[in-house]
Amino acid sequence: MAKKYLSITDARKDLFQIAQESQKPDAHFILTINGKPEVALMSFEEYEAILETIDFLSEPGALTELGEAEKEIEKGEFFDFDVVKQELDFARKGAMVLAENPKQKYQPKRRKK
């Protein structure tokens, strides 16, 4: 992870260059005020990924489930992606056929005025 420390004053001079460079994977800028780290700058994509990870890990039992999944993978207890994709595509096509020929058409209810 490439971290670069800059004073906020220096960062202001090259803000557009820093913003462009922060789009590179693992490029982080730490902006300092009076020598103290105060602001972290990274790509929005990476920021969102961090938030999603925090959200996932905050779910009760998430780490346990993740550990169990890793053990299942080590044992070879998983489904082949191509097989699952094929089965899901078949299920989706089947659902589309049902949606095209419903027994009863949906009629929205009228709201009372």
C-alpha atoms as a PDB file:
ATOM      1  CA  MET A   1       0.000   0.000   0.000  1.00  0.00           C
ATOM      2  CA  ALA A   2       1.593   3.235  -1.156  1.00  0.00           C
ATOM      3  CA  LYS A   3       0.985   5.946   1.421  1.00  0.00           C
ATOM      4  CA  LYS A   4       2.221   9.420   0.740  1.00  0.00           C
ATOM      5  CA  TYR A   5       2.257  12.075   3.424  1.00  0.00           C
ATOM      6  CA  LEU A   6       1.733  15.695   2.371  1.00  0.00           C
ATOM      7  CA  SER A   7       0.969  18.860   4.206  1.00  0.00           C
ATOM      8  CA  ILE A   8      -2.493  20.117   3.380  1.00  0.00           C
ATOM      9  CA  THR A   9      -0.893  23.307   2.032  1.00  0.00           C
ATOM     10  CA  ASP A  10       1.248  21.345  -0.443  1.00  0.00           C
ATOM     11  CA  ALA A  11      -1.698  19.129  -1.348  1.00  0.00           C
ATOM     12  CA  ARG A  12      -3.782  22.186  -2.214  1.00  0.00           C
ATOM     13  CA  LYS A  13      -1.242  23.193  -4.858  1.00  0.00           C
ATOM     14  CA  ASP A  14      -1.467  19.812  -6.637  1.00  0.00           C
ATOM     15  CA  LEU A  15      -5.006  18.739  -5.758  1.00  0.00           C
ATOM     16  CA  PHE A  16      -6.009  17.671  -9.278  1.00  0.00           C
ATOM     17  CA  GLN A  17      -2.806  15.635  -9.716  1.00  0.00           C
ATOM     18  CA  ILE A  18      -3.318  14.012  -6.299  1.00  0.00           C
ATOM     19  CA  ALA A  19      -6.950  13.217  -7.107  1.00  0.00           C
ATOM     20  CA  GLN A  20      -5.873  11.582 -10.359  1.00  0.00           C
ATOM     21  CA  GLU A  21      -3.072   9.610  -8.731  1.00  0.00           C
ATOM     22  CA  SER A  22      -5.355   8.432  -5.908  1.00  0.00           C
ATOM     23  CA  GLN A  23      -7.360   6.490  -8.514  1.00  0.00           C
ATOM     24  CA  LYS A  24      -4.512   3.993  -8.808  1.00  0.00           C
ATOM     25  CA  PRO A  25      -4.927   0.811  -6.738  1.00  0.00           C
ATOM     26  CA  ASP A  26      -3.666   1.174  -3.177  1.00  0.00           C
ATOM     27  CA  ALA A  27      -2.597   4.801  -3.654  1.00  0.00           C
ATOM     28  CA  HIS A  28      -3.365   6.718  -0.474  1.00  0.00           C
ATOM     29  CA  PHE A  29      -2.525  10.238   0.506  1.00  0.00           C
ATOM     30  CA  ILE A  30      -2.349  11.271   4.129  1.00  0.00           C
ATOM     31  CA  LEU A  31      -2.772  15.013   4.499  1.00  0.00           C
ATOM     32  CA  THR A  32      -1.225  16.601   7.543  1.00  0.00           C
ATOM     33  CA  ILE A  33      -1.966  19.784   9.422  1.00  0.00           C
ATOM     34  CA  ASN A  34       0.936  21.062  11.521  1.00  0.00           C
ATOM     35  CA  GLY A  35       2.693  17.737  10.928  1.00  0.00           C
ATOM     36  CA  LYS A  36      -0.192  15.684  12.328  1.00  0.00           C
ATOM     37  CA  PRO A  37      -2.110  13.248  10.043  1.00  0.00           C
ATOM     38  CA  GLU A  38      -5.657  14.602   9.712  1.00  0.00           C
ATOM     39  CA  VAL A  39      -7.151  13.493   6.369  1.00  0.00           C
ATOM     40  CA  ALA A  40      -6.888  10.340   4.252  1.00  0.00           C
ATOM     41  CA  LEU A  41      -7.487  10.595   0.523  1.00  0.00           C
ATOM     42  CA  MET A  42      -8.207   7.508  -1.616  1.00  0.00           C
ATOM     43  CA  SER A  43     -10.346   6.556  -4.591  1.00  0.00           C
ATOM     44  CA  PHE A  44     -14.093   6.504  -4.041  1.00  0.00           C
ATOM     45  CA  GLU A  45     -14.189   2.894  -5.267  1.00  0.00           C
ATOM     46  CA  GLU A  46     -11.749   1.817  -2.574  1.00  0.00           C
ATOM     47  CA  TYR A  47     -13.622   3.842   0.049  1.00  0.00           C
ATOM     48  CA  GLU A  48     -16.887   2.067  -0.844  1.00  0.00           C
ATOM     49  CA  ALA A  49     -15.159  -1.327  -0.716  1.00  0.00           C
ATOM     50  CA  ILE A  50     -13.893  -0.557   2.792  1.00  0.00           C
ATOM     51  CA  LEU A  51     -17.401   0.446   3.914  1.00  0.00           C
ATOM     52  CA  GLU A  52     -18.870  -2.754   2.448  1.00  0.00           C
ATOM     53  CA  THR A  53     -16.248  -4.803   4.272  1.00  0.00           C
ATOM     54  CA  ILE A  54     -17.013  -3.061   7.543  1.00  0.00           C
ATOM     55  CA  ASP A  55     -20.732  -3.596   6.973  1.00  0.00           C
ATOM     56  CA  PHE A  56     -20.219  -7.300   6.264  1.00  0.00           C
ATOM     57  CA  LEU A  57     -17.942  -7.845   9.243  1.00  0.00           C
ATOM     58  CA  SER A  58     -20.360  -6.058  11.571  1.00  0.00           C
ATOM     59  CA  GLU A  59     -23.018  -8.717  10.894  1.00  0.00           C
ATOM     60  CA  PRO A  60     -23.256 -11.143  13.822  1.00  0.00           C
ATOM     61  CA  GLY A  61     -21.645 -14.465  12.886  1.00  0.00           C
ATOM     62  CA  ALA A  62     -20.106 -13.195   9.642  1.00  0.00           C
ATOM     63  CA  LEU A  63     -16.568 -14.211  10.563  1.00  0.00           C
ATOM     64  CA  THR A  64     -17.749 -17.653  11.647  1.00  0.00           C
ATOM     65  CA  GLU A  65     -19.590 -18.141   8.352  1.00  0.00           C
ATOM     66  CA  LEU A  66     -16.567 -16.937   6.415  1.00  0.00           C
ATOM     67  CA  GLY A  67     -14.320 -19.388   8.252  1.00  0.00           C
ATOM     68  CA  GLU A  68     -16.751 -22.237   7.590  1.00  0.00           C
ATOM     69  CA  ALA A  69     -16.887 -21.322   3.899  1.00  0.00           C
ATOM     70  CA  GLU A  70     -13.087 -21.336   3.668  1.00  0.00           C
ATOM     71  CA  LYS A  71     -12.979 -24.821   5.255  1.00  0.00           C
ATOM     72  CA  GLU A  72     -15.615 -26.072   2.773  1.00  0.00           C
ATOM     73  CA  ILE A  73     -13.550 -24.723  -0.126  1.00  0.00           C
ATOM     74  CA  GLU A  74     -10.424 -26.471   1.206  1.00  0.00           C
ATOM     75  CA  LYS A  75     -12.406 -29.743   1.329  1.00  0.00           C
ATOM     76  CA  GLY A  76     -13.653 -29.205  -2.218  1.00  0.00           C
ATOM     77  CA  GLU A  77     -17.223 -28.702  -1.027  1.00  0.00           C
ATOM     78  CA  PHE A  78     -18.323 -26.010  -3.438  1.00  0.00           C
ATOM     79  CA  PHE A  79     -20.305 -25.622  -6.637  1.00  0.00           C
ATOM     80  CA  ASP A  80     -18.680 -25.055  -9.999  1.00  0.00           C
ATOM     81  CA  PHE A  81     -19.439 -21.517 -11.187  1.00  0.00           C
ATOM     82  CA  ASP A  82     -20.278 -22.580 -14.747  1.00  0.00           C
ATOM     83  CA  VAL A  83     -22.776 -25.178 -13.509  1.00  0.00           C
ATOM     84  CA  VAL A  84     -24.455 -22.686 -11.160  1.00  0.00           C
ATOM     85  CA  LYS A  85     -24.554 -20.062 -13.904  1.00  0.00           C
ATOM     86  CA  GLN A  86     -26.156 -22.540 -16.294  1.00  0.00           C
ATOM     87  CA  GLU A  87     -28.744 -23.579 -13.694  1.00  0.00           C
ATOM     88  CA  LEU A  88     -29.566 -19.966 -12.810  1.00  0.00           C
ATOM     89  CA  ASP A  89     -29.909 -19.061 -16.482  1.00  0.00           C
ATOM     90  CA  PHE A  90     -32.305 -21.992 -16.950  1.00  0.00           C
ATOM     91  CA  ALA A  91     -34.301 -20.891 -13.893  1.00  0.00           C
ATOM     92  CA  ARG A  92     -34.411 -17.311 -15.178  1.00  0.00           C
ATOM     93  CA  LYS A  93     -35.661 -18.417 -18.584  1.00  0.00           C
ATOM     94  CA  GLY A  94     -38.290 -20.571 -16.888  1.00  0.00           C
ATOM     95  CA  ALA A  95     -39.404 -17.597 -14.796  1.00  0.00           C
ATOM     96  CA  MET A  96     -39.668 -15.483 -17.936  1.00  0.00           C
ATOM     97  CA  VAL A  97     -41.992 -18.053 -19.529  1.00  0.00           C
ATOM     98  CA  LEU A  98     -44.203 -17.952 -16.462  1.00  0.00           C
ATOM     99  CA  ALA A  99     -44.204 -14.155 -16.468  1.00  0.00           C
ATOM    100  CA  GLU A 100     -45.208 -14.039 -20.134  1.00  0.00           C
ATOM    101  CA  ASN A 101     -48.251 -16.267 -19.594  1.00  0.00           C
ATOM    102  CA  PRO A 102     -49.756 -15.419 -16.230  1.00  0.00           C
ATOM    103  CA  LYS A 103     -53.083 -17.001 -15.325  1.00  0.00           C
ATOM    104  CA  GLN A 104     -54.337 -13.729 -13.968  1.00  0.00           C
ATOM    105  CA  LYS A 105     -53.176 -10.311 -15.065  1.00  0.00           C
ATOM    106  CA  TYR A 106     -52.188  -7.848 -12.409  1.00  0.00           C
ATOM    107  CA  GLN A 107     -54.634  -5.012 -11.986  1.00  0.00           C
ATOM    108  CA  PRO A 108     -53.539  -2.116  -9.816  1.00  0.00           C
ATOM    109  CA  LYS A 109     -56.006  -1.043  -7.188  1.00  0.00           C
ATOM    110  CA  ARG A 110     -57.408   2.415  -7.546  1.00  0.00           C
ATOM    111  CA  ARG A 111     -56.715   4.743  -4.671  1.00  0.00           C
ATOM    112  CA  LYS A 112     -59.654   6.350  -2.972  1.00  0.00           C
ATOM    113  CA  LYS A 113     -59.701  10.101  -3.332  1.00  0.00           C
END
